[in-house]
C-alpha atoms as a PDB file:
ATOM      1  CA  MET A   1     -10.291   3.614 -16.577  1.00  0.00           C
ATOM      2  CA  ALA A   2     -12.621   3.947 -13.628  1.00  0.00           C
ATOM      3  CA  SER A   3     -11.106   5.253 -10.417  1.00  0.00           C
ATOM      4  CA  SER A   4     -13.725   4.019  -7.988  1.00  0.00           C
ATOM      5  CA  ARG A   5     -14.557   0.479  -6.984  1.00  0.00           C
ATOM      6  CA  LEU A   6     -17.825  -0.310  -5.199  1.00  0.00           C
ATOM      7  CA  ALA A   7     -18.816  -3.714  -3.833  1.00  0.00           C
ATOM      8  CA  SER A   8     -21.694  -4.922  -1.699  1.00  0.00           C
ATOM      9  CA  TRP A   9     -20.584  -7.193   1.132  1.00  0.00           C
ATOM     10  CA  GLN A  10     -24.006  -8.788   1.550  1.00  0.00           C
ATOM     11  CA  GLY A  11     -23.418 -11.520  -1.010  1.00  0.00           C
ATOM     12  CA  VAL A  12     -19.830 -11.922  -2.108  1.00  0.00           C
ATOM     13  CA  LEU A  13     -18.172 -10.910   1.164  1.00  0.00           C
ATOM     14  CA  ALA A  14     -20.530 -12.993   3.287  1.00  0.00           C
ATOM     15  CA  PHE A  15     -19.706 -15.999   1.098  1.00  0.00           C
ATOM     16  CA  VAL A  16     -15.966 -15.379   1.277  1.00  0.00           C
ATOM     17  CA  LEU A  17     -15.969 -14.940   5.051  1.00  0.00           C
ATOM     18  CA  ALA A  18     -17.884 -18.179   5.395  1.00  0.00           C
ATOM     19  CA  LEU A  19     -15.100 -20.116   3.690  1.00  0.00           C
ATOM     20  CA  PRO A  20     -12.547 -21.466   6.185  1.00  0.00           C
ATOM     21  CA  GLY A  21      -9.000 -20.190   6.214  1.00  0.00           C
ATOM     22  CA  ILE A  22      -8.978 -17.962   3.142  1.00  0.00           C
ATOM     23  CA  SER A  23      -6.007 -15.643   3.384  1.00  0.00           C
ATOM     24  CA  ALA A  24      -3.378 -13.993   1.225  1.00  0.00           C
ATOM     25  CA  CYS A  25      -0.462 -12.681   3.226  1.00  0.00           C
ATOM     26  CA  ASP A  26       1.002 -10.401   0.586  1.00  0.00           C
ATOM     27  CA  ASP A  27       0.801  -6.775  -0.486  1.00  0.00           C
ATOM     28  CA  LYS A  28      -2.185  -7.026  -2.805  1.00  0.00           C
ATOM     29  CA  GLY A  29      -5.260  -4.969  -1.980  1.00  0.00           C
ATOM     30  CA  ASP A  30      -5.836  -1.861   0.045  1.00  0.00           C
ATOM     31  CA  PRO A  31      -2.614  -0.538   1.564  1.00  0.00           C
ATOM     32  CA  SER A  32      -4.451   0.501   4.696  1.00  0.00           C
ATOM     33  CA  ASN A  33      -4.565  -3.189   5.590  1.00  0.00           C
ATOM     34  CA  GLN A  34      -0.812  -3.092   6.210  1.00  0.00           C
ATOM     35  CA  ASP A  35       0.842  -1.371   9.120  1.00  0.00           C
ATOM     36  CA  ASN A  36       3.481   1.332   8.713  1.00  0.00           C
ATOM     37  CA  GLU A  37       6.247  -1.004   9.826  1.00  0.00           C
ATOM     38  CA  GLY A  38       5.444  -3.492   7.093  1.00  0.00           C
ATOM     39  CA  THR A  39       5.380  -6.438   9.527  1.00  0.00           C
ATOM     40  CA  GLY A  40       1.641  -7.060   9.909  1.00  0.00           C
ATOM     41  CA  TYR A  41       0.151  -9.717   7.613  1.00  0.00           C
ATOM     42  CA  GLY A  42      -2.678 -11.164   9.658  1.00  0.00           C
ATOM     43  CA  ASP A  43      -3.077 -14.131  11.986  1.00  0.00           C
ATOM     44  CA  ASP A  44      -2.414 -16.676   9.228  1.00  0.00           C
ATOM     45  CA  CYS A  45       1.285 -15.785   8.976  1.00  0.00           C
ATOM     46  CA  GLU A  46       3.899 -16.282  11.677  1.00  0.00           C
ATOM     47  CA  ASP A  47       6.990 -14.033  11.526  1.00  0.00           C
ATOM     48  CA  THR A  48      10.518 -14.524  12.797  1.00  0.00           C
ATOM     49  CA  VAL A  49      12.407 -11.219  12.758  1.00  0.00           C
ATOM     50  CA  THR A  50      16.189 -10.856  12.530  1.00  0.00           C
ATOM     51  CA  VAL A  51      17.568  -7.330  12.941  1.00  0.00           C
ATOM     52  CA  LEU A  52      20.547  -6.782  10.666  1.00  0.00           C
ATOM     53  CA  ALA A  53      23.587  -4.806  11.777  1.00  0.00           C
ATOM     54  CA  SER A  54      23.501  -2.375   8.857  1.00  0.00           C
ATOM     55  CA  VAL A  55      22.140  -1.807   5.364  1.00  0.00           C
ATOM     56  CA  ASP A  56      25.285  -3.500   4.049  1.00  0.00           C
ATOM     57  CA  GLU A  57      24.732  -6.796   5.867  1.00  0.00           C
ATOM     58  CA  VAL A  58      23.513  -9.486   3.491  1.00  0.00           C
ATOM     59  CA  SER A  59      20.372 -11.203   4.749  1.00  0.00           C
ATOM     60  CA  ALA A  60      19.610 -14.917   4.706  1.00  0.00           C
ATOM     61  CA  ALA A  61      17.858 -14.260   1.383  1.00  0.00           C
ATOM     62  CA  GLY A  62      21.122 -13.056  -0.163  1.00  0.00           C
ATOM     63  CA  ILE A  63      19.950  -9.439  -0.347  1.00  0.00           C
ATOM     64  CA  ALA A  64      21.168  -6.474   1.720  1.00  0.00           C
ATOM     65  CA  GLY A  65      19.019  -3.531   2.786  1.00  0.00           C
ATOM     66  CA  GLN A  66      21.122  -1.284   0.559  1.00  0.00           C
ATOM     67  CA  ALA A  67      19.439  -2.843  -2.472  1.00  0.00           C
ATOM     68  CA  LEU A  68      16.089  -1.453  -1.273  1.00  0.00           C
ATOM     69  CA  LEU A  69      17.607   1.982  -0.775  1.00  0.00           C
ATOM     70  CA  ASP A  70      19.182   1.909  -4.230  1.00  0.00           C
ATOM     71  CA  ALA A  71      15.719   1.302  -5.676  1.00  0.00           C
ATOM     72  CA  ALA A  72      13.962   4.102  -3.792  1.00  0.00           C
ATOM     73  CA  VAL A  73      16.524   6.897  -3.332  1.00  0.00           C
ATOM     74  CA  GLY A  74      16.576   9.754  -5.835  1.00  0.00           C
ATOM     75  CA  VAL A  75      13.647   8.538  -7.946  1.00  0.00           C
ATOM     76  CA  GLY A  76      12.460  10.774 -10.748  1.00  0.00           C
ATOM     77  CA  PRO A  77      11.525  12.844 -12.494  1.00  0.00           C
ATOM     78  CA  LEU A  78       7.936  11.675 -12.051  1.00  0.00           C
ATOM     79  CA  THR A  79       4.472  12.991 -12.875  1.00  0.00           C
ATOM     80  CA  LEU A  80       1.494  12.647 -10.548  1.00  0.00           C
ATOM     81  CA  THR A  81      -1.967  12.893 -12.103  1.00  0.00           C
ATOM     82  CA  TRP A  82      -4.890  14.113 -10.036  1.00  0.00           C
ATOM     83  CA  THR A  83      -8.114  12.261 -10.867  1.00  0.00           C
ATOM     84  CA  ASP A  84     -11.013  14.312 -12.237  1.00  0.00           C
ATOM     85  CA  PRO A  85     -13.993  13.391  -9.987  1.00  0.00           C
ATOM     86  CA  ALA A  86     -16.435  14.710 -12.575  1.00  0.00           C
ATOM     87  CA  ALA A  87     -15.199  12.127 -15.080  1.00  0.00           C
ATOM     88  CA  ASP A  88     -15.657   9.215 -12.702  1.00  0.00           C
ATOM     89  CA  GLY A  89     -19.398   8.734 -13.233  1.00  0.00           C
ATOM     90  CA  ALA A  90     -21.946   8.212 -10.495  1.00  0.00           C
ATOM     91  CA  GLY A  91     -19.760   6.100  -8.233  1.00  0.00           C
ATOM     92  CA  PHE A  92     -18.025   6.979  -4.975  1.00  0.00           C
ATOM     93  CA  VAL A  93     -15.765  10.005  -5.484  1.00  0.00           C
ATOM     94  CA  VAL A  94     -13.730  12.229  -3.180  1.00  0.00           C
ATOM     95  CA  VAL A  95     -13.543  15.843  -4.315  1.00  0.00           C
ATOM     96  CA  THR A  96     -10.443  17.764  -3.173  1.00  0.00           C
ATOM     97  CA  ASN A  97      -8.988  21.206  -3.830  1.00  0.00           C
ATOM     98  CA  ALA A  98      -6.618  19.663  -6.414  1.00  0.00           C
ATOM     99  CA  THR A  99      -6.879  20.679 -10.064  1.00  0.00           C
ATOM    100  CA  PRO A 100      -7.396  17.518 -12.143  1.00  0.00           C
ATOM    101  CA  GLY A 101      -4.457  16.661 -14.369  1.00  0.00           C
ATOM    102  CA  PRO A 102      -0.674  16.195 -14.195  1.00  0.00           C
ATOM    103  CA  VAL A 103       1.771  17.901 -11.833  1.00  0.00           C
ATOM    104  CA  GLU A 104       5.465  17.391 -11.126  1.00  0.00           C
ATOM    105  CA  LEU A 105       6.222  14.852  -8.407  1.00  0.00           C
ATOM    106  CA  THR A 106       9.302  14.603  -6.200  1.00  0.00           C
ATOM    107  CA  LEU A 107       9.625  11.194  -4.566  1.00  0.00           C
ATOM    108  CA  GLY A 108      12.526   9.467  -2.874  1.00  0.00           C
ATOM    109  CA  ALA A 109      13.652   7.665   0.277  1.00  0.00           C
ATOM    110  CA  LEU A 110      16.151   9.096   2.769  1.00  0.00           C
ATOM    111  CA  TYR A 111      18.021   6.699   5.020  1.00  0.00           C
ATOM    112  CA  GLU A 112      18.744   8.106   8.483  1.00  0.00           C
ATOM    113  CA  GLY A 113      20.069   5.033  10.269  1.00  0.00           C
ATOM    114  CA  GLY A 114      16.727   3.246  10.618  1.00  0.00           C
ATOM    115  CA  GLU A 115      16.415  -0.419  11.530  1.00  0.00           C
ATOM    116  CA  VAL A 116      17.013  -3.065   8.875  1.00  0.00           C
ATOM    117  CA  ARG A 117      15.215  -6.418   9.216  1.00  0.00           C
ATOM    118  CA  TYR A 118      15.019  -9.819   7.588  1.00  0.00           C
ATOM    119  CA  VAL A 119      11.624 -11.360   8.307  1.00  0.00           C
ATOM    120  CA  ALA A 120      11.084 -15.081   7.766  1.00  0.00           C
ATOM    121  CA  SER A 121       7.348 -15.740   7.451  1.00  0.00           C
ATOM    122  CA  GLU A 122       5.374 -18.965   7.255  1.00  0.00           C
ATOM    123  CA  PRO A 123       1.746 -20.042   7.606  1.00  0.00           C
ATOM    124  CA  THR A 124       0.644 -20.319  11.222  1.00  0.00           C
ATOM    125  CA  PRO A 125       0.330 -23.993  12.214  1.00  0.00           C
ATOM    126  CA  GLY A 126      -3.243 -25.063  12.863  1.00  0.00           C
ATOM    127  CA  ASP A 127      -4.500 -27.208  15.716  1.00  0.00           C
ATOM    128  CA  GLY A 128      -6.258 -29.649  13.395  1.00  0.00           C
ATOM    129  CA  SER A 129      -9.717 -28.365  14.248  1.00  0.00           C
ATOM    130  CA  GLU A 130     -10.121 -26.335  11.061  1.00  0.00           C
ATOM    131  CA  GLU A 131     -10.034 -27.218   7.398  1.00  0.00           C
ATOM    132  CA  PRO A 132      -6.787 -26.325   5.588  1.00  0.00           C
ATOM    133  CA  ALA A 133      -6.607 -22.862   4.099  1.00  0.00           C
ATOM    134  CA  ILE A 134      -7.470 -22.632   0.409  1.00  0.00           C
ATOM    135  CA  TYR A 135      -4.683 -20.125  -0.206  1.00  0.00           C
ATOM    136  CA  VAL A 136      -2.085 -18.765   2.176  1.00  0.00           C
ATOM    137  CA  GLU A 137       1.038 -16.932   0.996  1.00  0.00           C
ATOM    138  CA  CYS A 138       3.506 -15.678   3.575  1.00  0.00           C
ATOM    139  CA  PRO A 139       6.566 -14.398   1.703  1.00  0.00           C
ATOM    140  CA  ASP A 140       9.791 -13.677   3.556  1.00  0.00           C
ATOM    141  CA  ARG A 141      10.817 -10.043   3.274  1.00  0.00           C
ATOM    142  CA  ILE A 142      13.525  -7.438   3.792  1.00  0.00           C
ATOM    143  CA  GLU A 143      12.542  -4.189   5.525  1.00  0.00           C
ATOM    144  CA  VAL A 144      14.321  -0.863   5.972  1.00  0.00           C
ATOM    145  CA  ASP A 145      12.912   2.020   8.056  1.00  0.00           C
ATOM    146  CA  VAL A 146      13.315   5.306   6.162  1.00  0.00           C
ATOM    147  CA  ALA A 147      11.998   8.811   5.632  1.00  0.00           C
ATOM    148  CA  LEU A 148      10.146   9.273   2.350  1.00  0.00           C
ATOM    149  CA  ASP A 149      10.108  12.670   0.647  1.00  0.00           C
ATOM    150  CA  PHE A 150       6.880  13.259  -1.284  1.00  0.00           C
ATOM    151  CA  ALA A 151       6.075  16.645  -2.811  1.00  0.00           C
ATOM    152  CA  THR A 152       3.978  17.889  -5.728  1.00  0.00           C
ATOM    153  CA  GLY A 153       4.591  20.976  -7.845  1.00  0.00           C
ATOM    154  CA  ASP A 154       1.208  22.438  -6.872  1.00  0.00           C
ATOM    155  CA  GLY A 155       2.121  22.451  -3.163  1.00  0.00           C
ATOM    156  CA  LEU A 156      -0.715  20.123  -2.114  1.00  0.00           C
ATOM    157  CA  PHE A 157       1.873  17.632  -0.870  1.00  0.00           C
ATOM    158  CA  ALA A 158       5.132  18.800   0.744  1.00  0.00           C
ATOM    159  CA  GLU A 159       5.785  15.857   3.028  1.00  0.00           C
ATOM    160  CA  GLN A 160       8.402  13.686   4.623  1.00  0.00           C
ATOM    161  CA  PHE A 161       6.755  10.477   5.848  1.00  0.00           C
ATOM    162  CA  GLN A 162       8.354   8.022   8.255  1.00  0.00           C
ATOM    163  CA  THR A 163       7.729   4.614   6.719  1.00  0.00           C
ATOM    164  CA  THR A 164       9.243   1.249   5.814  1.00  0.00           C
ATOM    165  CA  LEU A 165      10.582   0.013   2.499  1.00  0.00           C
ATOM    166  CA  VAL A 166       9.648  -3.633   1.979  1.00  0.00           C
ATOM    167  CA  HIS A 167      10.867  -6.200  -0.539  1.00  0.00           C
ATOM    168  CA  ARG A 168       8.844  -9.427  -0.502  1.00  0.00           C
ATOM    169  CA  LEU A 169      10.412 -12.666  -1.676  1.00  0.00           C
ATOM    170  CA  TYR A 170       7.556 -14.392  -3.487  1.00  0.00           C
ATOM    171  CA  GLN A 171       8.258 -18.022  -4.310  1.00  0.00           C
ATOM    172  CA  GLU A 172       6.089 -17.866  -7.420  1.00  0.00           C
ATOM    173  CA  GLY A 173       7.299 -14.420  -8.512  1.00  0.00           C
ATOM    174  CA  ASP A 174       5.655 -11.067  -7.978  1.00  0.00           C
ATOM    175  CA  PRO A 175       1.853 -11.571  -8.120  1.00  0.00           C
ATOM    176  CA  ALA A 176       1.382  -8.354 -10.100  1.00  0.00           C
ATOM    177  CA  GLY A 177       3.759  -9.576 -12.789  1.00  0.00           C
ATOM    178  CA  LEU A 178       5.956  -6.494 -12.495  1.00  0.00           C
ATOM    179  CA  GLY A 179       9.165  -8.194 -11.431  1.00  0.00           C
ATOM    180  CA  PRO A 180      11.014  -7.739  -8.113  1.00  0.00           C
ATOM    181  CA  ARG A 181       9.962  -4.516  -6.435  1.00  0.00           C
ATOM    182  CA  VAL A 182      10.241  -2.453  -3.275  1.00  0.00           C
ATOM    183  CA  SER A 183       7.049  -1.081  -1.763  1.00  0.00           C
ATOM    184  CA  ALA A 184       5.823   1.339   0.885  1.00  0.00           C
ATOM    185  CA  ALA A 185       2.230   1.624   2.076  1.00  0.00           C
ATOM    186  CA  PHE A 186       0.526   3.414   4.954  1.00  0.00           C
ATOM    187  CA  THR A 187      -2.547   5.347   6.070  1.00  0.00           C
ATOM    188  CA  LEU A 188      -2.526   9.118   5.470  1.00  0.00           C
ATOM    189  CA  ASP A 189      -3.711  11.676   8.013  1.00  0.00           C
ATOM    190  CA  LEU A 190      -4.711  14.599   5.801  1.00  0.00           C
ATOM    191  CA  SER A 191      -5.083  16.884   8.827  1.00  0.00           C
ATOM    192  CA  ALA A 192      -1.357  16.477   9.581  1.00  0.00           C
ATOM    193  CA  LEU A 193      -0.034  17.267   6.100  1.00  0.00           C
ATOM    194  CA  ALA A 194       2.511  20.017   5.535  1.00  0.00           C
ATOM    195  CA  GLY A 195       0.988  20.591   2.086  1.00  0.00           C
ATOM    196  CA  GLY A 196      -2.391  22.141   1.343  1.00  0.00           C
ATOM    197  CA  LEU A 197      -4.476  19.127   0.248  1.00  0.00           C
ATOM    198  CA  GLU A 198      -8.039  19.217   1.577  1.00  0.00           C
ATOM    199  CA  VAL A 199     -11.174  17.131   1.034  1.00  0.00           C
ATOM    200  CA  VAL A 200     -14.002  19.377  -0.150  1.00  0.00           C
ATOM    201  CA  GLU A 201     -16.814  16.882  -0.641  1.00  0.00           C
ATOM    202  CA  VAL A 202     -17.591  13.161  -0.742  1.00  0.00           C
ATOM    203  CA  GLN A 203     -20.176  11.913  -3.227  1.00  0.00           C
ATOM    204  CA  PRO A 204     -22.808  10.559  -3.510  1.00  0.00           C
ATOM    205  CA  GLU A 205     -23.194  10.324   0.285  1.00  0.00           C
ATOM    206  CA  PRO A 206     -20.735  10.795   3.155  1.00  0.00           C
ATOM    207  CA  PRO A 207     -19.403   7.414   4.352  1.00  0.00           C
ATOM    208  CA  GLU A 208     -19.487   6.173   7.912  1.00  0.00           C
ATOM    209  CA  THR A 209     -15.699   6.073   7.870  1.00  0.00           C
ATOM    210  CA  LEU A 210     -13.279   7.639   5.400  1.00  0.00           C
ATOM    211  CA  THR A 211      -9.653   6.504   5.277  1.00  0.00           C
ATOM    212  CA  HIS A 212      -6.903   7.861   3.030  1.00  0.00           C
ATOM    213  CA  THR A 213      -4.002   5.699   1.908  1.00  0.00           C
ATOM    214  CA  PHE A 214      -0.592   5.960   0.244  1.00  0.00           C
ATOM    215  CA  SER A 215       1.134   3.221  -1.713  1.00  0.00           C
ATOM    216  CA  ALA A 216       4.272   3.256  -3.838  1.00  0.00           C
ATOM    217  CA  ALA A 217       6.341   0.631  -5.646  1.00  0.00           C
ATOM    218  CA  PHE A 218       9.880   0.855  -7.038  1.00  0.00           C
ATOM    219  CA  PRO A 219      11.557  -1.713  -9.313  1.00  0.00           C
ATOM    220  CA  LEU A 220      14.313  -3.520  -7.426  1.00  0.00           C
ATOM    221  CA  GLU A 221      16.398  -3.921 -10.572  1.00  0.00           C
ATOM    222  CA  SER A 222      17.591  -0.854 -12.477  1.00  0.00           C
ATOM    223  CA  ASP A 223      16.810  -2.410 -15.862  1.00  0.00           C
ATOM    224  CA  ALA A 224      13.239  -3.405 -14.920  1.00  0.00           C
ATOM    225  CA  MET A 225      10.547  -2.713 -17.505  1.00  0.00           C
ATOM    226  CA  SER A 226       8.078  -1.389 -14.896  1.00  0.00           C
ATOM    227  CA  PRO A 227       8.742   2.200 -13.726  1.00  0.00           C
ATOM    228  CA  PRO A 228       8.031   3.490 -10.201  1.00  0.00           C
ATOM    229  CA  SER A 229       4.295   3.699  -9.577  1.00  0.00           C
ATOM    230  CA  GLY A 230       1.827   4.455  -6.836  1.00  0.00           C
ATOM    231  CA  GLU A 231      -1.407   6.056  -5.786  1.00  0.00           C
ATOM    232  CA  ILE A 232      -3.169   8.150  -3.188  1.00  0.00           C
ATOM    233  CA  GLY A 233      -6.549   6.619  -2.413  1.00  0.00           C
ATOM    234  CA  SER A 234      -9.639   7.053  -0.274  1.00  0.00           C
ATOM    235  CA  GLN A 235     -11.768   4.245   1.130  1.00  0.00           C
ATOM    236  CA  GLY A 236     -15.281   4.782   2.441  1.00  0.00           C
ATOM    237  CA  THR A 237     -17.403   2.302   4.388  1.00  0.00           C
ATOM    238  CA  TRP A 238     -21.115   2.290   5.185  1.00  0.00           C
ATOM    239  CA  SER A 239     -23.372   0.220   7.484  1.00  0.00           C
ATOM    240  CA  TYR A 240     -27.140  -0.009   7.072  1.00  0.00           C
ATOM    241  CA  ASP A 241     -30.049  -0.952   9.357  1.00  0.00           C
ATOM    242  CA  ASN A 242     -30.780  -4.124   7.367  1.00  0.00           C
ATOM    243  CA  GLY A 243     -27.306  -5.482   8.102  1.00  0.00           C
ATOM    244  CA  ILE A 244     -25.797  -4.696   4.720  1.00  0.00           C
ATOM    245  CA  GLN A 245     -22.254  -3.345   4.728  1.00  0.00           C
ATOM    246  CA  SER A 246     -20.555  -1.781   1.744  1.00  0.00           C
ATOM    247  CA  ALA A 247     -17.178  -0.323   0.902  1.00  0.00           C
ATOM    248  CA  ALA A 248     -15.783   1.703  -1.981  1.00  0.00           C
ATOM    249  CA  PHE A 249     -12.317   2.879  -3.005  1.00  0.00           C
ATOM    250  CA  PHE A 250     -11.482   6.000  -4.992  1.00  0.00           C
ATOM    251  CA  THR A 251      -8.085   6.691  -6.560  1.00  0.00           C
ATOM    252  CA  MET A 252      -7.452  10.339  -5.743  1.00  0.00           C
ATOM    253  CA  ALA A 253      -4.150  10.526  -7.635  1.00  0.00           C
ATOM    254  CA  SER A 254      -1.692   8.152  -9.299  1.00  0.00           C
ATOM    255  CA  TRP A 255       1.755   8.118 -10.886  1.00  0.00           C
END
């Protein structure tokens, strides 16, 4: 399975951006497109936030924040697998000081009294001047602010991230087909890590910008068929004199 994805924006992206109102206000795609608080889904979704009194208060969706904590606290044991850049072919790869292969992973949320929210979301009303959107999904969601412990047996990660657990209430069911789940996604600052992970080289050419991301998903129901999963990724972007823009994503590690 390839770990890098490379796409030219000259054709496909230019065509997509030319189409009016295309949007998908969900958690698919690059996690760096979502903010750490889990409340940013673009201009096509309008949010109404209700702060709940505690993790035990049942939201308007019939779910309490405690359900998210139950899904993400004390997860494990897990195995993280570092990608082997040499096996990824000639595409965009990020070489780190990690040894390719599996290592033990400790992962779990810690609730320290953070805010709990129910967010009702709906498509932003238009003014009639634009064509209707082809696809807009703005699922309501439950959010709980937590600390997330994330450590690997090789010492390259030894972190506690401040983040938000999010459960999205899709009307058509989870788009990934994995059943109800709780997710966390944010941008990683490798220079601020407590662990020893370092980027050694970027191939085949250094990008104009390089962003590192974290994403994790936990099954909301204890008997779910899909286990906890996630990845550490790197996204590079380039701009060229002829106006072409390109982007590529490399999966640095997954579990």
